[in-house]
Amino acid sequence: MYRVIGETADNLRQSLFDNTTGIYAAESARAMNNRIYMYGDQGVLAVSDNGIELVSGPIEDILQEKQSYPDFSTITYGISYEQYRKYILLVQDSPSDTYPTAAFIYDIFTEKWTKWTFKAACGTVLNDVLCLGSNPLTDPAAVTKRGFIFKERKDLATSDFSDEEFTATIIVTGK
C-alpha cells in the first residue's frame, strides 16, 4: 500500500505506507471520518495516517467464505454514509450471484456489524439520502426488465422502516 502526498499535480510524490497489506476489492474503498474503509487482503480495513486497523474481525469467517465466490473482487463495492457513520460493504450472498445481494454495515461508533439482504447492483449517498439501484436485467424473476432506484425514506415516521411499496388489487372469489 502506498501513500500519495502533494498539493498540486506537479508536486505529488508516493511513498510506501505498508508493504504487508493490499486492496482486494477496488470499488470497496471509501473515505469517511478521516479514514479509508476498504476490503483488503486481510478483511475490512480502516486506513488512516496512524496505520491500518482490521475492523471485520467479528464477521471474518463469513467474509472469507464470500471472498472465495467467483468475481467477488469485481462485484464487491462500498458506500460511505458519513451522516450516520456507517460503512456499507455490498457483496454476493451466494456463489451464483452476479451482483451484490447482501450488505454488511459497519457502525464506526459502536464498532458493530449488521447484515441487510437486498439486491443492489449500485448505490450511493446523495444529499444525505441512501440510494440503491436494482439490476433486473440479470435477475430472472424480473418480468418487466426495468431497473429501480430505492431511495431511503426520512419522514421520521413508521414508514421509514418499511420495505418498498406497491399497489395491488385483491379479488376475492368463492368462500
C-alpha atoms as a PDB file:
ATOM      1  CA  MET A   1       0.000   0.000   0.000  1.00  0.00           C
ATOM      2  CA  TYR A   2       1.336   3.395  -0.995  1.00  0.00           C
ATOM      3  CA  ARG A   3       0.560   6.923   0.104  1.00  0.00           C
ATOM      4  CA  VAL A   4       0.438   9.802  -2.384  1.00  0.00           C
ATOM      5  CA  ILE A   5       1.178  13.219  -0.887  1.00  0.00           C
ATOM      6  CA  GLY A   6       1.176  16.644  -2.502  1.00  0.00           C
ATOM      7  CA  GLU A   7      -0.830  19.777  -3.086  1.00  0.00           C
ATOM      8  CA  THR A   8      -0.746  20.065  -6.874  1.00  0.00           C
ATOM      9  CA  ALA A   9      -0.233  17.643  -9.744  1.00  0.00           C
ATOM     10  CA  ASP A  10       3.329  18.944 -10.106  1.00  0.00           C
ATOM     11  CA  ASN A  11       4.483  18.082  -6.585  1.00  0.00           C
ATOM     12  CA  LEU A  12       2.784  14.723  -5.930  1.00  0.00           C
ATOM     13  CA  ARG A  13       5.042  12.049  -4.525  1.00  0.00           C
ATOM     14  CA  GLN A  14       4.416   8.489  -3.473  1.00  0.00           C
ATOM     15  CA  SER A  15       5.891   6.583  -0.578  1.00  0.00           C
ATOM     16  CA  LEU A  16       5.465   3.082   0.783  1.00  0.00           C
ATOM     17  CA  PHE A  17       2.840   3.093   3.549  1.00  0.00           C
ATOM     18  CA  ASP A  18       2.509  -0.610   4.362  1.00  0.00           C
ATOM     19  CA  ASN A  19       4.067  -3.477   2.430  1.00  0.00           C
ATOM     20  CA  THR A  20       2.011  -6.168   4.202  1.00  0.00           C
ATOM     21  CA  THR A  21      -1.459  -5.060   3.083  1.00  0.00           C
ATOM     22  CA  GLY A  22      -3.202  -4.767  -0.260  1.00  0.00           C
ATOM     23  CA  ILE A  23      -6.677  -3.946  -1.515  1.00  0.00           C
ATOM     24  CA  TYR A  24      -8.720  -6.942  -2.667  1.00  0.00           C
ATOM     25  CA  ALA A  25     -11.912  -5.253  -3.943  1.00  0.00           C
ATOM     26  CA  ALA A  26     -11.005  -1.894  -5.504  1.00  0.00           C
ATOM     27  CA  GLU A  27     -14.565  -0.493  -5.552  1.00  0.00           C
ATOM     28  CA  SER A  28     -14.895  -1.109  -1.806  1.00  0.00           C
ATOM     29  CA  ALA A  29     -12.530   1.738  -0.861  1.00  0.00           C
ATOM     30  CA  ARG A  30     -14.415   4.750   0.513  1.00  0.00           C
ATOM     31  CA  ALA A  31     -13.334   7.760   2.556  1.00  0.00           C
ATOM     32  CA  MET A  32     -15.155   8.528   5.782  1.00  0.00           C
ATOM     33  CA  ASN A  33     -14.266  10.231   9.048  1.00  0.00           C
ATOM     34  CA  ASN A  34     -10.621  10.847   8.017  1.00  0.00           C
ATOM     35  CA  ARG A  35     -10.109   7.187   7.169  1.00  0.00           C
ATOM     36  CA  ILE A  36     -10.409   4.975   4.149  1.00  0.00           C
ATOM     37  CA  TYR A  37     -12.518   1.855   4.644  1.00  0.00           C
ATOM     38  CA  MET A  38     -11.889  -0.968   2.194  1.00  0.00           C
ATOM     39  CA  TYR A  39     -11.923  -4.698   1.665  1.00  0.00           C
ATOM     40  CA  GLY A  40      -8.271  -5.654   1.728  1.00  0.00           C
ATOM     41  CA  ASP A  41      -6.435  -8.944   1.646  1.00  0.00           C
ATOM     42  CA  GLN A  42      -6.936  -9.234   5.423  1.00  0.00           C
ATOM     43  CA  GLY A  43     -10.665  -8.282   5.524  1.00  0.00           C
ATOM     44  CA  VAL A  44     -12.332  -4.905   6.023  1.00  0.00           C
ATOM     45  CA  LEU A  45      -9.676  -2.379   6.965  1.00  0.00           C
ATOM     46  CA  ALA A  46      -9.698   1.200   8.231  1.00  0.00           C
ATOM     47  CA  VAL A  47      -6.677   3.065   6.882  1.00  0.00           C
ATOM     48  CA  SER A  48      -5.522   6.350   8.409  1.00  0.00           C
ATOM     49  CA  ASP A  49      -2.302   8.276   8.934  1.00  0.00           C
ATOM     50  CA  ASN A  50      -1.864   6.257  12.133  1.00  0.00           C
ATOM     51  CA  GLY A  51      -1.830   2.935  10.298  1.00  0.00           C
ATOM     52  CA  ILE A  52      -4.159   0.132   9.307  1.00  0.00           C
ATOM     53  CA  GLU A  53      -6.778  -1.410  11.566  1.00  0.00           C
ATOM     54  CA  LEU A  54      -8.763  -4.598  10.900  1.00  0.00           C
ATOM     55  CA  VAL A  55     -12.447  -3.912  11.653  1.00  0.00           C
ATOM     56  CA  SER A  56     -14.097  -7.058  10.292  1.00  0.00           C
ATOM     57  CA  GLY A  57     -12.867  -9.463  12.965  1.00  0.00           C
ATOM     58  CA  PRO A  58     -16.365 -10.371  14.242  1.00  0.00           C
ATOM     59  CA  ILE A  59     -17.558 -11.370  10.732  1.00  0.00           C
ATOM     60  CA  GLU A  60     -14.239 -12.580   9.339  1.00  0.00           C
ATOM     61  CA  ASP A  61     -15.419 -16.175   8.799  1.00  0.00           C
ATOM     62  CA  ILE A  62     -18.472 -15.005   6.816  1.00  0.00           C
ATOM     63  CA  LEU A  63     -16.454 -12.651   4.620  1.00  0.00           C
ATOM     64  CA  GLN A  64     -13.718 -15.211   3.978  1.00  0.00           C
ATOM     65  CA  GLU A  65     -16.332 -17.616   2.609  1.00  0.00           C
ATOM     66  CA  LYS A  66     -17.770 -14.911   0.348  1.00  0.00           C
ATOM     67  CA  GLN A  67     -14.290 -13.927  -0.819  1.00  0.00           C
ATOM     68  CA  SER A  68     -13.979 -17.410  -2.371  1.00  0.00           C
ATOM     69  CA  TYR A  69     -17.003 -16.738  -4.643  1.00  0.00           C
ATOM     70  CA  PRO A  70     -16.397 -16.106  -8.355  1.00  0.00           C
ATOM     71  CA  ASP A  71     -15.849 -12.451  -9.234  1.00  0.00           C
ATOM     72  CA  PHE A  72     -16.013 -11.363  -5.564  1.00  0.00           C
ATOM     73  CA  SER A  73     -13.293  -8.759  -6.052  1.00  0.00           C
ATOM     74  CA  THR A  74     -15.057  -7.134  -9.030  1.00  0.00           C
ATOM     75  CA  ILE A  75     -18.660  -7.397  -7.733  1.00  0.00           C
ATOM     76  CA  THR A  76     -17.997  -6.096  -4.201  1.00  0.00           C
ATOM     77  CA  TYR A  77     -18.312  -2.372  -3.592  1.00  0.00           C
ATOM     78  CA  GLY A  78     -18.574   0.009  -0.662  1.00  0.00           C
ATOM     79  CA  ILE A  79     -20.627   3.044   0.304  1.00  0.00           C
ATOM     80  CA  SER A  80     -19.680   5.551   2.980  1.00  0.00           C
ATOM     81  CA  TYR A  81     -22.639   7.043   4.807  1.00  0.00           C
ATOM     82  CA  GLU A  82     -20.990   9.885   6.680  1.00  0.00           C
ATOM     83  CA  GLN A  83     -24.175  11.290   8.259  1.00  0.00           C
ATOM     84  CA  TYR A  84     -24.901   8.004  10.056  1.00  0.00           C
ATOM     85  CA  ARG A  85     -21.237   6.954  10.456  1.00  0.00           C
ATOM     86  CA  LYS A  86     -21.773   3.741   8.516  1.00  0.00           C
ATOM     87  CA  TYR A  87     -19.590   1.901   6.049  1.00  0.00           C
ATOM     88  CA  ILE A  88     -21.712  -0.339   3.819  1.00  0.00           C
ATOM     89  CA  LEU A  89     -19.989  -3.277   2.108  1.00  0.00           C
ATOM     90  CA  LEU A  90     -22.114  -4.885  -0.619  1.00  0.00           C
ATOM     91  CA  VAL A  91     -21.238  -8.463  -1.566  1.00  0.00           C
ATOM     92  CA  GLN A  92     -22.592 -11.631  -3.154  1.00  0.00           C
ATOM     93  CA  ASP A  93     -24.696 -13.683  -0.740  1.00  0.00           C
ATOM     94  CA  SER A  94     -24.215 -16.894  -2.730  1.00  0.00           C
ATOM     95  CA  PRO A  95     -21.642 -18.054  -5.296  1.00  0.00           C
ATOM     96  CA  SER A  96     -24.162 -17.871  -8.167  1.00  0.00           C
ATOM     97  CA  ASP A  97     -24.974 -14.179  -7.609  1.00  0.00           C
ATOM     98  CA  THR A  98     -23.731 -11.916 -10.401  1.00  0.00           C
ATOM     99  CA  TYR A  99     -24.143  -8.686  -8.412  1.00  0.00           C
ATOM    100  CA  PRO A 100     -24.377  -7.818  -4.702  1.00  0.00           C
ATOM    101  CA  THR A 101     -27.329  -9.367  -2.873  1.00  0.00           C
ATOM    102  CA  ALA A 102     -26.251  -8.656   0.707  1.00  0.00           C
ATOM    103  CA  ALA A 103     -24.768  -5.740   2.590  1.00  0.00           C
ATOM    104  CA  PHE A 104     -22.675  -5.728   5.732  1.00  0.00           C
ATOM    105  CA  ILE A 105     -22.972  -2.438   7.574  1.00  0.00           C
ATOM    106  CA  TYR A 106     -20.268  -1.293   9.976  1.00  0.00           C
ATOM    107  CA  ASP A 107     -21.098   1.390  12.538  1.00  0.00           C
ATOM    108  CA  ILE A 108     -17.862   3.265  13.232  1.00  0.00           C
ATOM    109  CA  PHE A 109     -19.007   4.403  16.698  1.00  0.00           C
ATOM    110  CA  THR A 110     -20.367   1.151  18.122  1.00  0.00           C
ATOM    111  CA  GLU A 111     -17.889  -0.924  16.073  1.00  0.00           C
ATOM    112  CA  LYS A 112     -20.702  -3.421  15.362  1.00  0.00           C
ATOM    113  CA  TRP A 113     -21.824  -5.132  12.164  1.00  0.00           C
ATOM    114  CA  THR A 114     -25.337  -5.613  10.779  1.00  0.00           C
ATOM    115  CA  LYS A 115     -26.424  -7.540   7.685  1.00  0.00           C
ATOM    116  CA  TRP A 116     -29.049  -6.482   5.144  1.00  0.00           C
ATOM    117  CA  THR A 117     -30.279  -8.841   2.450  1.00  0.00           C
ATOM    118  CA  PHE A 118     -31.002  -6.633  -0.534  1.00  0.00           C
ATOM    119  CA  LYS A 119     -30.218  -6.854  -4.242  1.00  0.00           C
ATOM    120  CA  ALA A 120     -28.310  -3.686  -5.103  1.00  0.00           C
ATOM    121  CA  ALA A 121     -26.241  -3.518  -8.251  1.00  0.00           C
ATOM    122  CA  CYS A 122     -25.217   0.041  -7.440  1.00  0.00           C
ATOM    123  CA  GLY A 123     -25.593   2.614  -4.715  1.00  0.00           C
ATOM    124  CA  THR A 124     -24.515   5.937  -3.330  1.00  0.00           C
ATOM    125  CA  VAL A 125     -25.461   8.614  -0.817  1.00  0.00           C
ATOM    126  CA  LEU A 126     -26.885  11.802  -2.353  1.00  0.00           C
ATOM    127  CA  ASN A 127     -27.752  14.791  -0.151  1.00  0.00           C
ATOM    128  CA  ASP A 128     -27.599  12.557   2.946  1.00  0.00           C
ATOM    129  CA  VAL A 129     -30.065  10.046   1.463  1.00  0.00           C
ATOM    130  CA  LEU A 130     -29.065   6.452   0.701  1.00  0.00           C
ATOM    131  CA  CYS A 131     -29.998   5.376  -2.836  1.00  0.00           C
ATOM    132  CA  LEU A 132     -29.646   1.803  -4.102  1.00  0.00           C
ATOM    133  CA  GLY A 133     -30.230   0.583  -7.650  1.00  0.00           C
ATOM    134  CA  SER A 134     -31.589  -2.816  -8.654  1.00  0.00           C
ATOM    135  CA  ASN A 135     -30.394  -4.828 -11.623  1.00  0.00           C
ATOM    136  CA  PRO A 136     -33.354  -6.769 -13.034  1.00  0.00           C
ATOM    137  CA  LEU A 137     -31.560  -7.451 -16.311  1.00  0.00           C
ATOM    138  CA  THR A 138     -29.616 -10.178 -14.519  1.00  0.00           C
ATOM    139  CA  ASP A 139     -32.491 -11.151 -12.221  1.00  0.00           C
ATOM    140  CA  PRO A 140     -34.541 -13.974 -13.782  1.00  0.00           C
ATOM    141  CA  ALA A 141     -37.521 -13.106 -11.537  1.00  0.00           C
ATOM    142  CA  ALA A 142     -37.836  -9.658 -13.139  1.00  0.00           C
ATOM    143  CA  VAL A 143     -40.668  -9.873 -15.650  1.00  0.00           C
ATOM    144  CA  THR A 144     -40.616  -6.298 -16.952  1.00  0.00           C
ATOM    145  CA  LYS A 145     -36.812  -5.969 -17.070  1.00  0.00           C
ATOM    146  CA  ARG A 146     -36.903  -2.482 -15.581  1.00  0.00           C
ATOM    147  CA  GLY A 147     -34.454  -1.234 -13.013  1.00  0.00           C
ATOM    148  CA  PHE A 148     -35.487   0.583  -9.872  1.00  0.00           C
ATOM    149  CA  ILE A 149     -33.831   3.128  -7.631  1.00  0.00           C
ATOM    150  CA  PHE A 150     -34.673   2.629  -3.981  1.00  0.00           C
ATOM    151  CA  LYS A 151     -34.459   5.869  -2.027  1.00  0.00           C
ATOM    152  CA  GLU A 152     -34.252   5.973   1.751  1.00  0.00           C
ATOM    153  CA  ARG A 153     -37.277   7.461   3.470  1.00  0.00           C
ATOM    154  CA  LYS A 154     -36.671  10.134   6.074  1.00  0.00           C
ATOM    155  CA  ASP A 155     -40.168  11.150   7.132  1.00  0.00           C
ATOM    156  CA  LEU A 156     -39.491  10.421  10.828  1.00  0.00           C
ATOM    157  CA  ALA A 157     -42.481   8.079  10.789  1.00  0.00           C
ATOM    158  CA  THR A 158     -43.018   4.319  10.944  1.00  0.00           C
ATOM    159  CA  SER A 159     -42.983   4.256   7.139  1.00  0.00           C
ATOM    160  CA  ASP A 160     -39.226   4.922   7.336  1.00  0.00           C
ATOM    161  CA  PHE A 161     -38.826   1.317   8.464  1.00  0.00           C
ATOM    162  CA  SER A 162     -40.951  -0.237   5.710  1.00  0.00           C
ATOM    163  CA  ASP A 163     -39.787  -2.070   2.634  1.00  0.00           C
ATOM    164  CA  GLU A 164     -40.761  -0.968  -0.859  1.00  0.00           C
ATOM    165  CA  GLU A 165     -44.334  -0.018  -1.652  1.00  0.00           C
ATOM    166  CA  PHE A 166     -46.556  -1.146  -4.487  1.00  0.00           C
ATOM    167  CA  THR A 167     -50.220  -1.010  -5.420  1.00  0.00           C
ATOM    168  CA  ALA A 168     -52.187  -4.264  -5.606  1.00  0.00           C
ATOM    169  CA  THR A 169     -55.764  -5.253  -6.280  1.00  0.00           C
ATOM    170  CA  ILE A 170     -57.053  -8.316  -4.457  1.00  0.00           C
ATOM    171  CA  ILE A 171     -60.138 -10.023  -5.848  1.00  0.00           C
ATOM    172  CA  VAL A 172     -61.872 -12.459  -3.544  1.00  0.00           C
ATOM    173  CA  THR A 173     -63.714 -15.314  -5.218  1.00  0.00           C
ATOM    174  CA  GLY A 174     -65.627 -18.063  -3.500  1.00  0.00           C
ATOM    175  CA  LYS A 175     -65.957 -18.584   0.216  1.00  0.00           C
END
